[in-house]
PDB file of N, CA and C in Angstrom:
ATOM      1  N   MET A   1       0.842  -1.184   0.000  1.00  0.00           N
ATOM      2  CA  MET A   1       0.000   0.000   0.000  1.00  0.00           C
ATOM      3  C   MET A   1       0.890   1.251   0.000  1.00  0.00           C
ATOM      4  N   MET A   2       0.527   2.192  -0.853  1.00  0.00           N
ATOM      5  CA  MET A   2       1.303   3.414  -0.997  1.00  0.00           C
ATOM      6  C   MET A   2       1.060   4.325   0.207  1.00  0.00           C
ATOM      7  N   THR A   3       2.150   4.799   0.778  1.00  0.00           N
ATOM      8  CA  THR A   3       2.017   5.763   1.862  1.00  0.00           C
ATOM      9  C   THR A   3       3.024   6.884   1.646  1.00  0.00           C
ATOM     10  N   SER A   4       2.632   8.058   1.975  1.00  0.00           N
ATOM     11  CA  SER A   4       3.454   9.257   1.826  1.00  0.00           C
ATOM     12  C   SER A   4       2.758  10.346   2.623  1.00  0.00           C
ATOM     13  N   PRO A   5       3.427  11.474   2.827  1.00  0.00           N
ATOM     14  CA  PRO A   5       2.747  12.572   3.519  1.00  0.00           C
ATOM     15  C   PRO A   5       1.441  12.974   2.812  1.00  0.00           C
ATOM     16  N   LEU A   6       1.428  12.937   1.476  1.00  0.00           N
ATOM     17  CA  LEU A   6       0.207  13.287   0.754  1.00  0.00           C
ATOM     18  C   LEU A   6      -0.892  12.257   1.013  1.00  0.00           C
ATOM     19  N   VAL A   7      -0.561  10.991   0.934  1.00  0.00           N
ATOM     20  CA  VAL A   7      -1.562   9.942   1.182  1.00  0.00           C
ATOM     21  C   VAL A   7      -2.108  10.070   2.600  1.00  0.00           C
ATOM     22  N   ASP A   8      -1.223  10.304   3.547  1.00  0.00           N
ATOM     23  CA  ASP A   8      -1.670  10.481   4.938  1.00  0.00           C
ATOM     24  C   ASP A   8      -2.598  11.693   5.063  1.00  0.00           C
ATOM     25  N   ALA A   9      -2.249  12.784   4.399  1.00  0.00           N
ATOM     26  CA  ALA A   9      -3.079  13.997   4.454  1.00  0.00           C
ATOM     27  C   ALA A   9      -4.429  13.768   3.771  1.00  0.00           C
ATOM     28  N   LEU A  10      -4.435  13.012   2.674  1.00  0.00           N
ATOM     29  CA  LEU A  10      -5.694  12.701   1.992  1.00  0.00           C
ATOM     30  C   LEU A  10      -6.595  11.854   2.883  1.00  0.00           C
ATOM     31  N   ARG A  11      -5.999  10.873   3.547  1.00  0.00           N
ATOM     32  CA  ARG A  11      -6.780  10.027   4.467  1.00  0.00           C
ATOM     33  C   ARG A  11      -7.362  10.856   5.609  1.00  0.00           C
ATOM     34  N   GLU A  12      -6.541  11.715   6.180  1.00  0.00           N
ATOM     35  CA  GLU A  12      -7.007  12.550   7.295  1.00  0.00           C
ATOM     36  C   GLU A  12      -8.112  13.495   6.827  1.00  0.00           C
ATOM     37  N   ALA A  13      -7.965  14.063   5.637  1.00  0.00           N
ATOM     38  CA  ALA A  13      -9.004  14.948   5.105  1.00  0.00           C
ATOM     39  C   ALA A  13     -10.302  14.167   4.899  1.00  0.00           C
ATOM     40  N   GLY A  14     -10.195  12.959   4.390  1.00  0.00           N
ATOM     41  CA  GLY A  14     -11.382  12.128   4.204  1.00  0.00           C
ATOM     42  C   GLY A  14     -12.067  11.815   5.515  1.00  0.00           C
ATOM     43  N   ARG A  15     -11.266  11.505   6.527  1.00  0.00           N
ATOM     44  CA  ARG A  15     -11.843  11.241   7.855  1.00  0.00           C
ATOM     45  C   ARG A  15     -12.507  12.494   8.422  1.00  0.00           C
ATOM     46  N   ALA A  16     -11.869  13.644   8.217  1.00  0.00           N
ATOM     47  CA  ALA A  16     -12.438  14.905   8.718  1.00  0.00           C
ATOM     48  C   ALA A  16     -13.780  15.202   8.044  1.00  0.00           C
ATOM     49  N   LEU A  17     -13.881  14.922   6.748  1.00  0.00           N
ATOM     50  CA  LEU A  17     -15.151  15.107   6.051  1.00  0.00           C
ATOM     51  C   LEU A  17     -16.197  14.137   6.592  1.00  0.00           C
ATOM     52  N   GLN A  18     -15.778  12.903   6.768  1.00  0.00           N
ATOM     53  CA  GLN A  18     -16.700  11.859   7.198  1.00  0.00           C
ATOM     54  C   GLN A  18     -17.254  12.093   8.602  1.00  0.00           C
ATOM     55  N   ASP A  19     -16.393  12.538   9.512  1.00  0.00           N
ATOM     56  CA  ASP A  19     -16.864  12.685  10.893  1.00  0.00           C
ATOM     57  C   ASP A  19     -17.298  14.112  11.244  1.00  0.00           C
ATOM     58  N   GLY A  20     -17.363  14.984  10.243  1.00  0.00           N
ATOM     59  CA  GLY A  20     -17.922  16.309  10.471  1.00  0.00           C
ATOM     60  C   GLY A  20     -16.958  17.363  10.988  1.00  0.00           C
ATOM     61  N   ARG A  21     -15.672  17.050  11.054  1.00  0.00           N
ATOM     62  CA  ARG A  21     -14.705  18.076  11.466  1.00  0.00           C
ATOM     63  C   ARG A  21     -14.426  19.044  10.327  1.00  0.00           C
ATOM     64  N   TRP A  22     -14.756  18.653   9.097  1.00  0.00           N
ATOM     65  CA  TRP A  22     -14.606  19.533   7.933  1.00  0.00           C
ATOM     66  C   TRP A  22     -15.976  19.632   7.278  1.00  0.00           C
ATOM     67  N   LEU A  23     -16.593  20.778   7.433  1.00  0.00           N
ATOM     68  CA  LEU A  23     -17.873  21.030   6.786  1.00  0.00           C
ATOM     69  C   LEU A  23     -17.597  21.743   5.469  1.00  0.00           C
ATOM     70  N   ILE A  24     -18.099  21.209   4.398  1.00  0.00           N
ATOM     71  CA  ILE A  24     -17.853  21.769   3.068  1.00  0.00           C
ATOM     72  C   ILE A  24     -18.594  23.100   2.957  1.00  0.00           C
ATOM     73  N   ARG A  25     -17.848  24.124   2.655  1.00  0.00           N
ATOM     74  CA  ARG A  25     -18.408  25.466   2.509  1.00  0.00           C
ATOM     75  C   ARG A  25     -18.353  25.859   1.025  1.00  0.00           C
ATOM     76  N   PRO A  26     -19.107  26.864   0.642  1.00  0.00           N
ATOM     77  CA  PRO A  26     -19.125  27.268  -0.770  1.00  0.00           C
ATOM     78  C   PRO A  26     -17.734  27.491  -1.388  1.00  0.00           C
ATOM     79  N   PRO A  27     -16.765  28.078  -0.678  1.00  0.00           N
ATOM     80  CA  PRO A  27     -15.446  28.220  -1.311  1.00  0.00           C
ATOM     81  C   PRO A  27     -14.782  26.868  -1.627  1.00  0.00           C
ATOM     82  N   ASP A  28     -14.962  25.885  -0.748  1.00  0.00           N
ATOM     83  CA  ASP A  28     -14.406  24.547  -1.005  1.00  0.00           C
ATOM     84  C   ASP A  28     -15.059  23.949  -2.245  1.00  0.00           C
ATOM     85  N   LEU A  29     -16.371  24.095  -2.323  1.00  0.00           N
ATOM     86  CA  LEU A  29     -17.139  23.596  -3.455  1.00  0.00           C
ATOM     87  C   LEU A  29     -16.659  24.258  -4.751  1.00  0.00           C
ATOM     88  N   ALA A  30     -16.460  25.561  -4.709  1.00  0.00           N
ATOM     89  CA  ALA A  30     -16.001  26.292  -5.894  1.00  0.00           C
ATOM     90  C   ALA A  30     -14.611  25.824  -6.319  1.00  0.00           C
ATOM     91  N   ALA A  31     -13.711  25.662  -5.367  1.00  0.00           N
ATOM     92  CA  ALA A  31     -12.354  25.212  -5.686  1.00  0.00           C
ATOM     93  C   ALA A  31     -12.370  23.793  -6.241  1.00  0.00           C
ATOM     94  N   ALA A  32     -13.178  22.917  -5.648  1.00  0.00           N
ATOM     95  CA  ALA A  32     -13.263  21.538  -6.133  1.00  0.00           C
ATOM     96  C   ALA A  32     -13.821  21.494  -7.551  1.00  0.00           C
ATOM     97  N   ASN A  33     -14.839  22.285  -7.816  1.00  0.00           N
ATOM     98  CA  ASN A  33     -15.405  22.311  -9.171  1.00  0.00           C
ATOM     99  C   ASN A  33     -14.422  22.876 -10.182  1.00  0.00           C
ATOM    100  N   MET A  34     -13.632  23.845  -9.758  1.00  0.00           N
ATOM    101  CA  MET A  34     -12.595  24.399 -10.619  1.00  0.00           C
ATOM    102  C   MET A  34     -11.581  23.304 -10.980  1.00  0.00           C
ATOM    103  N   LEU A  35     -11.172  22.535  -9.983  1.00  0.00           N
ATOM    104  CA  LEU A  35     -10.231  21.440 -10.235  1.00  0.00           C
ATOM    105  C   LEU A  35     -10.831  20.417 -11.191  1.00  0.00           C
ATOM    106  N   GLY A  36     -12.089  20.086 -10.967  1.00  0.00           N
ATOM    107  CA  GLY A  36     -12.755  19.130 -11.863  1.00  0.00           C
ATOM    108  C   GLY A  36     -12.781  19.628 -13.292  1.00  0.00           C
ATOM    109  N   ASP A  37     -13.073  20.906 -13.452  1.00  0.00           N
ATOM    110  CA  ASP A  37     -13.134  21.496 -14.792  1.00  0.00           C
ATOM    111  C   ASP A  37     -11.774  21.520 -15.482  1.00  0.00           C
ATOM    112  N   GLN A  38     -10.700  21.547 -14.700  1.00  0.00           N
ATOM    113  CA  GLN A  38      -9.367  21.645 -15.287  1.00  0.00           C
ATOM    114  C   GLN A  38      -8.629  20.310 -15.382  1.00  0.00           C
ATOM    115  N   LEU A  39      -8.925  19.382 -14.470  1.00  0.00           N
ATOM    116  CA  LEU A  39      -8.137  18.144 -14.423  1.00  0.00           C
ATOM    117  C   LEU A  39      -8.916  16.878 -14.756  1.00  0.00           C
ATOM    118  N   TRP A  40     -10.236  16.954 -14.748  1.00  0.00           N
ATOM    119  CA  TRP A  40     -11.006  15.742 -15.029  1.00  0.00           C
ATOM    120  C   TRP A  40     -11.833  15.883 -16.295  1.00  0.00           C
ATOM    121  N   VAL A  41     -12.609  16.938 -16.434  1.00  0.00           N
ATOM    122  CA  VAL A  41     -13.470  17.097 -17.600  1.00  0.00           C
ATOM    123  C   VAL A  41     -12.673  17.073 -18.914  1.00  0.00           C
ATOM    124  N   PRO A  42     -11.602  17.833 -19.054  1.00  0.00           N
ATOM    125  CA  PRO A  42     -10.892  17.844 -20.340  1.00  0.00           C
ATOM    126  C   PRO A  42     -10.121  16.550 -20.637  1.00  0.00           C
ATOM    127  N   TYR A  43     -10.010  15.694 -19.644  1.00  0.00           N
ATOM    128  CA  TYR A  43      -9.198  14.484 -19.806  1.00  0.00           C
ATOM    129  C   TYR A  43     -10.038  13.215 -19.692  1.00  0.00           C
ATOM    130  N   ARG A  44     -11.304  13.311 -20.059  1.00  0.00           N
ATOM    131  CA  ARG A  44     -12.170  12.119 -20.025  1.00  0.00           C
ATOM    132  C   ARG A  44     -11.596  10.989 -20.857  1.00  0.00           C
ATOM    133  N   ASP A  45     -10.977  11.341 -21.981  1.00  0.00           N
ATOM    134  CA  ASP A  45     -10.385  10.303 -22.834  1.00  0.00           C
ATOM    135  C   ASP A  45      -9.325   9.510 -22.076  1.00  0.00           C
ATOM    136  N   VAL A  46      -8.546  10.182 -21.268  1.00  0.00           N
ATOM    137  CA  VAL A  46      -7.499   9.536 -20.467  1.00  0.00           C
ATOM    138  C   VAL A  46      -8.148   8.652 -19.397  1.00  0.00           C
ATOM    139  N   LEU A  47      -9.171   9.177 -18.768  1.00  0.00           N
ATOM    140  CA  LEU A  47      -9.811   8.471 -17.666  1.00  0.00           C
ATOM    141  C   LEU A  47     -10.601   7.255 -18.136  1.00  0.00           C
ATOM    142  N   GLU A  48     -11.144   7.311 -19.344  1.00  0.00           N
ATOM    143  CA  GLU A  48     -11.995   6.238 -19.836  1.00  0.00           C
ATOM    144  C   GLU A  48     -11.256   5.205 -20.679  1.00  0.00           C
ATOM    145  N   ALA A  49     -10.050   5.521 -21.104  1.00  0.00           N
ATOM    146  CA  ALA A  49      -9.310   4.615 -21.980  1.00  0.00           C
ATOM    147  C   ALA A  49      -8.741   3.429 -21.206  1.00  0.00           C
ATOM    148  N   GLU A  50      -8.802   2.277 -21.828  1.00  0.00           N
ATOM    149  CA  GLU A  50      -8.191   1.098 -21.217  1.00  0.00           C
ATOM    150  C   GLU A  50      -6.670   1.278 -21.155  1.00  0.00           C
ATOM    151  N   GLU A  51      -6.127   1.813 -22.240  1.00  0.00           N
ATOM    152  CA  GLU A  51      -4.699   2.148 -22.291  1.00  0.00           C
ATOM    153  C   GLU A  51      -4.583   3.582 -22.783  1.00  0.00           C
ATOM    154  N   PRO A  52      -4.557   4.542 -21.856  1.00  0.00           N
ATOM    155  CA  PRO A  52      -4.534   5.958 -22.260  1.00  0.00           C
ATOM    156  C   PRO A  52      -3.253   6.339 -23.000  1.00  0.00           C
ATOM    157  N   ASP A  53      -3.404   7.320 -23.850  1.00  0.00           N
ATOM    158  CA  ASP A  53      -2.280   7.877 -24.598  1.00  0.00           C
ATOM    159  C   ASP A  53      -1.286   8.471 -23.601  1.00  0.00           C
ATOM    160  N   PRO A  54      -0.047   7.989 -23.601  1.00  0.00           N
ATOM    161  CA  PRO A  54       0.952   8.485 -22.640  1.00  0.00           C
ATOM    162  C   PRO A  54       1.166   9.998 -22.706  1.00  0.00           C
ATOM    163  N   ASP A  55       1.050  10.567 -23.895  1.00  0.00           N
ATOM    164  CA  ASP A  55       1.216  12.020 -24.022  1.00  0.00           C
ATOM    165  C   ASP A  55       0.086  12.759 -23.307  1.00  0.00           C
ATOM    166  N   ARG A  56      -1.141  12.225 -23.395  1.00  0.00           N
ATOM    167  CA  ARG A  56      -2.271  12.848 -22.713  1.00  0.00           C
ATOM    168  C   ARG A  56      -2.159  12.689 -21.194  1.00  0.00           C
ATOM    169  N   VAL A  57      -1.634  11.543 -20.755  1.00  0.00           N
ATOM    170  CA  VAL A  57      -1.411  11.335 -19.323  1.00  0.00           C
ATOM    171  C   VAL A  57      -0.416  12.363 -18.818  1.00  0.00           C
ATOM    172  N   ARG A  58       0.677  12.522 -19.547  1.00  0.00           N
ATOM    173  CA  ARG A  58       1.706  13.487 -19.157  1.00  0.00           C
ATOM    174  C   ARG A  58       1.144  14.910 -19.182  1.00  0.00           C
ATOM    175  N   GLU A  59       0.353  15.221 -20.207  1.00  0.00           N
ATOM    176  CA  GLU A  59      -0.269  16.543 -20.325  1.00  0.00           C
ATOM    177  C   GLU A  59      -1.160  16.828 -19.107  1.00  0.00           C
ATOM    178  N   ARG A  60      -1.920  15.828 -18.690  1.00  0.00           N
ATOM    179  CA  ARG A  60      -2.796  15.989 -17.523  1.00  0.00           C
ATOM    180  C   ARG A  60      -1.979  16.228 -16.258  1.00  0.00           C
ATOM    181  N   LEU A  61      -0.936  15.439 -16.070  1.00  0.00           N
ATOM    182  CA  LEU A  61      -0.083  15.615 -14.890  1.00  0.00           C
ATOM    183  C   LEU A  61       0.574  16.998 -14.891  1.00  0.00           C
ATOM    184  N   GLU A  62       0.948  17.467 -16.075  1.00  0.00           N
ATOM    185  CA  GLU A  62       1.574  18.786 -16.176  1.00  0.00           C
ATOM    186  C   GLU A  62       0.588  19.915 -15.889  1.00  0.00           C
ATOM    187  N   ALA A  63      -0.710  19.640 -16.009  1.00  0.00           N
ATOM    188  CA  ALA A  63      -1.734  20.659 -15.747  1.00  0.00           C
ATOM    189  C   ALA A  63      -2.016  20.826 -14.251  1.00  0.00           C
ATOM    190  N   VAL A  64      -1.551  19.886 -13.438  1.00  0.00           N
ATOM    191  CA  VAL A  64      -1.872  19.895 -12.011  1.00  0.00           C
ATOM    192  C   VAL A  64      -1.378  21.149 -11.286  1.00  0.00           C
ATOM    193  N   PRO A  65      -0.128  21.561 -11.432  1.00  0.00           N
ATOM    194  CA  PRO A  65       0.319  22.734 -10.663  1.00  0.00           C
ATOM    195  C   PRO A  65      -0.522  23.996 -10.913  1.00  0.00           C
ATOM    196  N   ALA A  66      -0.835  24.272 -12.177  1.00  0.00           N
ATOM    197  CA  ALA A  66      -1.624  25.471 -12.482  1.00  0.00           C
ATOM    198  C   ALA A  66      -3.046  25.347 -11.934  1.00  0.00           C
ATOM    199  N   ALA A  67      -3.632  24.143 -12.024  1.00  0.00           N
ATOM    200  CA  ALA A  67      -4.985  23.941 -11.506  1.00  0.00           C
ATOM    201  C   ALA A  67      -5.018  24.113  -9.989  1.00  0.00           C
ATOM    202  N   CYS A  68      -4.030  23.555  -9.319  1.00  0.00           N
ATOM    203  CA  CYS A  68      -3.973  23.692  -7.856  1.00  0.00           C
ATOM    204  C   CYS A  68      -3.734  25.144  -7.457  1.00  0.00           C
ATOM    205  N   ALA A  69      -2.871  25.835  -8.180  1.00  0.00           N
ATOM    206  CA  ALA A  69      -2.608  27.246  -7.888  1.00  0.00           C
ATOM    207  C   ALA A  69      -3.883  28.078  -8.073  1.00  0.00           C
ATOM    208  N   ALA A  70      -4.639  27.792  -9.126  1.00  0.00           N
ATOM    209  CA  ALA A  70      -5.886  28.526  -9.360  1.00  0.00           C
ATOM    210  C   ALA A  70      -6.892  28.248  -8.234  1.00  0.00           C
ATOM    211  N   ALA A  71      -6.989  26.996  -7.812  1.00  0.00           N
ATOM    212  CA  ALA A  71      -7.918  26.646  -6.734  1.00  0.00           C
ATOM    213  C   ALA A  71      -7.506  27.304  -5.416  1.00  0.00           C
ATOM    214  N   LEU A  72      -6.205  27.456  -5.207  1.00  0.00           N
ATOM    215  CA  LEU A  72      -5.710  28.124  -3.996  1.00  0.00           C
ATOM    216  C   LEU A  72      -6.121  29.596  -3.945  1.00  0.00           C
ATOM    217  N   GLU A  73      -6.422  30.167  -5.089  1.00  0.00           N
ATOM    218  CA  GLU A  73      -6.824  31.577  -5.159  1.00  0.00           C
ATOM    219  C   GLU A  73      -8.252  31.806  -4.680  1.00  0.00           C
ATOM    220  N   VAL A  74      -9.018  30.736  -4.539  1.00  0.00           N
ATOM    221  CA  VAL A  74     -10.400  30.890  -4.071  1.00  0.00           C
ATOM    222  C   VAL A  74     -10.354  31.319  -2.603  1.00  0.00           C
ATOM    223  N   PRO A  75     -10.877  32.498  -2.279  1.00  0.00           N
ATOM    224  CA  PRO A  75     -10.811  32.958  -0.892  1.00  0.00           C
ATOM    225  C   PRO A  75     -11.716  32.121   0.018  1.00  0.00           C
ATOM    226  N   GLY A  76     -11.193  31.812   1.191  1.00  0.00           N
ATOM    227  CA  GLY A  76     -11.995  31.157   2.211  1.00  0.00           C
ATOM    228  C   GLY A  76     -12.024  29.644   2.179  1.00  0.00           C
ATOM    229  N   ILE A  77     -11.147  29.012   1.376  1.00  0.00           N
ATOM    230  CA  ILE A  77     -11.166  27.549   1.378  1.00  0.00           C
ATOM    231  C   ILE A  77     -10.617  27.020   2.700  1.00  0.00           C
ATOM    232  N   GLU A  78     -11.080  25.836   3.050  1.00  0.00           N
ATOM    233  CA  GLU A  78     -10.659  25.154   4.272  1.00  0.00           C
ATOM    234  C   GLU A  78      -9.140  25.013   4.297  1.00  0.00           C
ATOM    235  N   ASP A  79      -8.525  25.208   5.453  1.00  0.00           N
ATOM    236  CA  ASP A  79      -7.070  25.101   5.586  1.00  0.00           C
ATOM    237  C   ASP A  79      -6.552  23.739   5.125  1.00  0.00           C
ATOM    238  N   ARG A  80      -7.278  22.660   5.451  1.00  0.00           N
ATOM    239  CA  ARG A  80      -6.857  21.314   5.022  1.00  0.00           C
ATOM    240  C   ARG A  80      -6.784  21.231   3.500  1.00  0.00           C
ATOM    241  N   PHE A  81      -7.794  21.804   2.854  1.00  0.00           N
ATOM    242  CA  PHE A  81      -7.851  21.778   1.394  1.00  0.00           C
ATOM    243  C   PHE A  81      -6.690  22.588   0.819  1.00  0.00           C
ATOM    244  N   ALA A  82      -6.435  23.748   1.393  1.00  0.00           N
ATOM    245  CA  ALA A  82      -5.324  24.580   0.925  1.00  0.00           C
ATOM    246  C   ALA A  82      -4.001  23.838   1.056  1.00  0.00           C
ATOM    247  N   GLU A  83      -3.817  23.152   2.167  1.00  0.00           N
ATOM    248  CA  GLU A  83      -2.580  22.397   2.368  1.00  0.00           C
ATOM    249  C   GLU A  83      -2.440  21.297   1.324  1.00  0.00           C
ATOM    250  N   LEU A  84      -3.520  20.606   1.049  1.00  0.00           N
ATOM    251  CA  LEU A  84      -3.484  19.560   0.015  1.00  0.00           C
ATOM    252  C   LEU A  84      -3.151  20.159  -1.348  1.00  0.00           C
ATOM    253  N   LEU A  85      -3.734  21.303  -1.646  1.00  0.00           N
ATOM    254  CA  LEU A  85      -3.467  21.958  -2.933  1.00  0.00           C
ATOM    255  C   LEU A  85      -1.999  22.362  -3.069  1.00  0.00           C
ATOM    256  N   ARG A  86      -1.353  22.622  -1.946  1.00  0.00           N
ATOM    257  CA  ARG A  86       0.085  22.926  -1.987  1.00  0.00           C
ATOM    258  C   ARG A  86       0.916  21.644  -2.089  1.00  0.00           C
ATOM    259  N   MET A  87       0.434  20.565  -1.469  1.00  0.00           N
ATOM    260  CA  MET A  87       1.181  19.304  -1.431  1.00  0.00           C
ATOM    261  C   MET A  87       1.124  18.527  -2.755  1.00  0.00           C
ATOM    262  N   VAL A  88      -0.025  18.528  -3.399  1.00  0.00           N
ATOM    263  CA  VAL A  88      -0.245  17.669  -4.563  1.00  0.00           C
ATOM    264  C   VAL A  88       0.781  17.897  -5.680  1.00  0.00           C
ATOM    265  N   PRO A  89       0.995  19.126  -6.153  1.00  0.00           N
ATOM    266  CA  PRO A  89       1.946  19.297  -7.261  1.00  0.00           C
ATOM    267  C   PRO A  89       3.349  18.772  -6.924  1.00  0.00           C
ATOM    268  N   GLN A  90       3.816  19.048  -5.731  1.00  0.00           N
ATOM    269  CA  GLN A  90       5.152  18.588  -5.316  1.00  0.00           C
ATOM    270  C   GLN A  90       5.213  17.069  -5.281  1.00  0.00           C
ATOM    271  N   ALA A  91       4.207  16.451  -4.665  1.00  0.00           N
ATOM    272  CA  ALA A  91       4.195  14.990  -4.546  1.00  0.00           C
ATOM    273  C   ALA A  91       4.151  14.327  -5.917  1.00  0.00           C
ATOM    274  N   LEU A  92       3.365  14.870  -6.830  1.00  0.00           N
ATOM    275  CA  LEU A  92       3.284  14.288  -8.170  1.00  0.00           C
ATOM    276  C   LEU A  92       4.591  14.473  -8.925  1.00  0.00           C
ATOM    277  N   ALA A  93       5.222  15.621  -8.741  1.00  0.00           N
ATOM    278  CA  ALA A  93       6.498  15.885  -9.424  1.00  0.00           C
ATOM    279  C   ALA A  93       7.592  14.938  -8.948  1.00  0.00           C
ATOM    280  N   GLU A  94       7.518  14.524  -7.695  1.00  0.00           N
ATOM    281  CA  GLU A  94       8.542  13.643  -7.127  1.00  0.00           C
ATOM    282  C   GLU A  94       8.285  12.163  -7.407  1.00  0.00           C
ATOM    283  N   ALA A  95       7.104  11.840  -7.893  1.00  0.00           N
ATOM    284  CA  ALA A  95       6.725  10.443  -8.108  1.00  0.00           C
ATOM    285  C   ALA A  95       6.973  10.021  -9.547  1.00  0.00           C
ATOM    286  N   GLU A  96       7.160   8.712  -9.729  1.00  0.00           N
ATOM    287  CA  GLU A  96       7.187   8.150 -11.085  1.00  0.00           C
ATOM    288  C   GLU A  96       5.793   8.343 -11.673  1.00  0.00           C
ATOM    289  N   GLN A  97       5.678   8.334 -12.997  1.00  0.00           N
ATOM    290  CA  GLN A  97       4.404   8.643 -13.643  1.00  0.00           C
ATOM    291  C   GLN A  97       3.272   7.737 -13.149  1.00  0.00           C
ATOM    292  N   GLU A  98       3.490   6.445 -13.050  1.00  0.00           N
ATOM    293  CA  GLU A  98       2.425   5.533 -12.623  1.00  0.00           C
ATOM    294  C   GLU A  98       1.938   5.867 -11.203  1.00  0.00           C
ATOM    295  N   GLN A  99       2.890   6.137 -10.320  1.00  0.00           N
ATOM    296  CA  GLN A  99       2.519   6.498  -8.950  1.00  0.00           C
ATOM    297  C   GLN A  99       1.837   7.865  -8.925  1.00  0.00           C
ATOM    298  N   ALA A 100       2.308   8.792  -9.754  1.00  0.00           N
ATOM    299  CA  ALA A 100       1.692  10.123  -9.817  1.00  0.00           C
ATOM    300  C   ALA A 100       0.237  10.013 -10.261  1.00  0.00           C
ATOM    301  N   VAL A 101      -0.035   9.144 -11.219  1.00  0.00           N
ATOM    302  CA  VAL A 101      -1.410   8.944 -11.681  1.00  0.00           C
ATOM    303  C   VAL A 101      -2.270   8.388 -10.544  1.00  0.00           C
ATOM    304  N   GLN A 102      -1.717   7.454  -9.773  1.00  0.00           N
ATOM    305  CA  GLN A 102      -2.457   6.886  -8.643  1.00  0.00           C
ATOM    306  C   GLN A 102      -2.728   7.956  -7.581  1.00  0.00           C
ATOM    307  N   LEU A 103      -1.722   8.769  -7.290  1.00  0.00           N
ATOM    308  CA  LEU A 103      -1.903   9.842  -6.306  1.00  0.00           C
ATOM    309  C   LEU A 103      -2.954  10.838  -6.771  1.00  0.00           C
ATOM    310  N   LEU A 104      -2.912  11.183  -8.050  1.00  0.00           N
ATOM    311  CA  LEU A 104      -3.901  12.115  -8.587  1.00  0.00           C
ATOM    312  C   LEU A 104      -5.301  11.498  -8.492  1.00  0.00           C
ATOM    313  N   GLY A 105      -5.390  10.192  -8.704  1.00  0.00           N
ATOM    314  CA  GLY A 105      -6.672   9.512  -8.550  1.00  0.00           C
ATOM    315  C   GLY A 105      -7.191   9.579  -7.132  1.00  0.00           C
ATOM    316  N   GLN A 106      -6.303   9.387  -6.161  1.00  0.00           N
ATOM    317  CA  GLN A 106      -6.713   9.478  -4.754  1.00  0.00           C
ATOM    318  C   GLN A 106      -7.164  10.901  -4.417  1.00  0.00           C
ATOM    319  N   PHE A 107      -6.434  11.879  -4.914  1.00  0.00           N
ATOM    320  CA  PHE A 107      -6.820  13.269  -4.722  1.00  0.00           C
ATOM    321  C   PHE A 107      -8.170  13.518  -5.392  1.00  0.00           C
ATOM    322  N   GLY A 108      -8.354  12.925  -6.559  1.00  0.00           N
ATOM    323  CA  GLY A 108      -9.603  13.094  -7.297  1.00  0.00           C
ATOM    324  C   GLY A 108     -10.820  12.598  -6.541  1.00  0.00           C
ATOM    325  N   VAL A 109     -10.653  11.512  -5.797  1.00  0.00           N
ATOM    326  CA  VAL A 109     -11.772  11.003  -4.998  1.00  0.00           C
ATOM    327  C   VAL A 109     -12.194  12.063  -3.981  1.00  0.00           C
ATOM    328  N   LEU A 110     -11.226  12.659  -3.320  1.00  0.00           N
ATOM    329  CA  LEU A 110     -11.527  13.696  -2.335  1.00  0.00           C
ATOM    330  C   LEU A 110     -12.159  14.919  -3.008  1.00  0.00           C
ATOM    331  N   VAL A 111     -11.603  15.328  -4.136  1.00  0.00           N
ATOM    332  CA  VAL A 111     -12.149  16.476  -4.869  1.00  0.00           C
ATOM    333  C   VAL A 111     -13.597  16.195  -5.272  1.00  0.00           C
ATOM    334  N   HIS A 112     -13.864  14.976  -5.711  1.00  0.00           N
ATOM    335  CA  HIS A 112     -15.217  14.593  -6.101  1.00  0.00           C
ATOM    336  C   HIS A 112     -16.179  14.699  -4.904  1.00  0.00           C
ATOM    337  N   VAL A 113     -15.749  14.193  -3.762  1.00  0.00           N
ATOM    338  CA  VAL A 113     -16.587  14.250  -2.560  1.00  0.00           C
ATOM    339  C   VAL A 113     -16.873  15.707  -2.191  1.00  0.00           C
ATOM    340  N   ILE A 114     -15.838  16.523  -2.219  1.00  0.00           N
ATOM    341  CA  ILE A 114     -16.017  17.942  -1.876  1.00  0.00           C
ATOM    342  C   ILE A 114     -16.944  18.617  -2.893  1.00  0.00           C
ATOM    343  N   GLY A 115     -16.700  18.366  -4.166  1.00  0.00           N
ATOM    344  CA  GLY A 115     -17.487  18.999  -5.229  1.00  0.00           C
ATOM    345  C   GLY A 115     -18.929  18.559  -5.279  1.00  0.00           C
ATOM    346  N   ASN A 116     -19.229  17.416  -4.683  1.00  0.00           N
ATOM    347  CA  ASN A 116     -20.591  16.894  -4.702  1.00  0.00           C
ATOM    348  C   ASN A 116     -21.228  16.847  -3.322  1.00  0.00           C
ATOM    349  N   GLY A 117     -20.464  17.307  -2.327  1.00  0.00           N
ATOM    350  CA  GLY A 117     -20.974  17.244  -0.960  1.00  0.00           C
ATOM    351  C   GLY A 117     -21.907  18.382  -0.646  1.00  0.00           C
ATOM    352  N   PRO A 118     -22.633  18.232   0.429  1.00  0.00           N
ATOM    353  CA  PRO A 118     -23.538  19.315   0.821  1.00  0.00           C
ATOM    354  C   PRO A 118     -22.743  20.488   1.389  1.00  0.00           C
ATOM    355  N   ALA A 119     -22.910  21.630   0.795  1.00  0.00           N
ATOM    356  CA  ALA A 119     -22.214  22.828   1.278  1.00  0.00           C
ATOM    357  C   ALA A 119     -23.044  23.492   2.359  1.00  0.00           C
ATOM    358  N   VAL A 120     -22.364  23.974   3.377  1.00  0.00           N
ATOM    359  CA  VAL A 120     -23.019  24.730   4.436  1.00  0.00           C
ATOM    360  C   VAL A 120     -22.614  26.189   4.302  1.00  0.00           C
ATOM    361  N   SER A 121     -23.467  27.064   4.718  1.00  0.00           N
ATOM    362  CA  SER A 121     -23.156  28.496   4.600  1.00  0.00           C
ATOM    363  C   SER A 121     -22.302  28.968   5.742  1.00  0.00           C
TER     364      SER A 121
END
């Protein structure tokens, strides 16, 4: 099982969402939707392919730093989310491509939960 500071932070963020220590607020929702629009929607071909085009995989991974930086600009996002947005680009850059794709997938699960979760005012 893959473990790293990012994986640990993703697990802790998931637990915080699950047990109510992190209530999804509109800024979190906005940042998560921004990430989805930049890292998942344009790369459906990569996500749905049995054997994705390596150039498209690399292109998607290269889009992560700018997407995370843009999401960090959303005022009022949860501190945990901001920390993850700072951690993800570095962790992916340090990983081999296959591991980076797995890490991005784990991050994507959290982004999906945030983007589809009930927002509180």
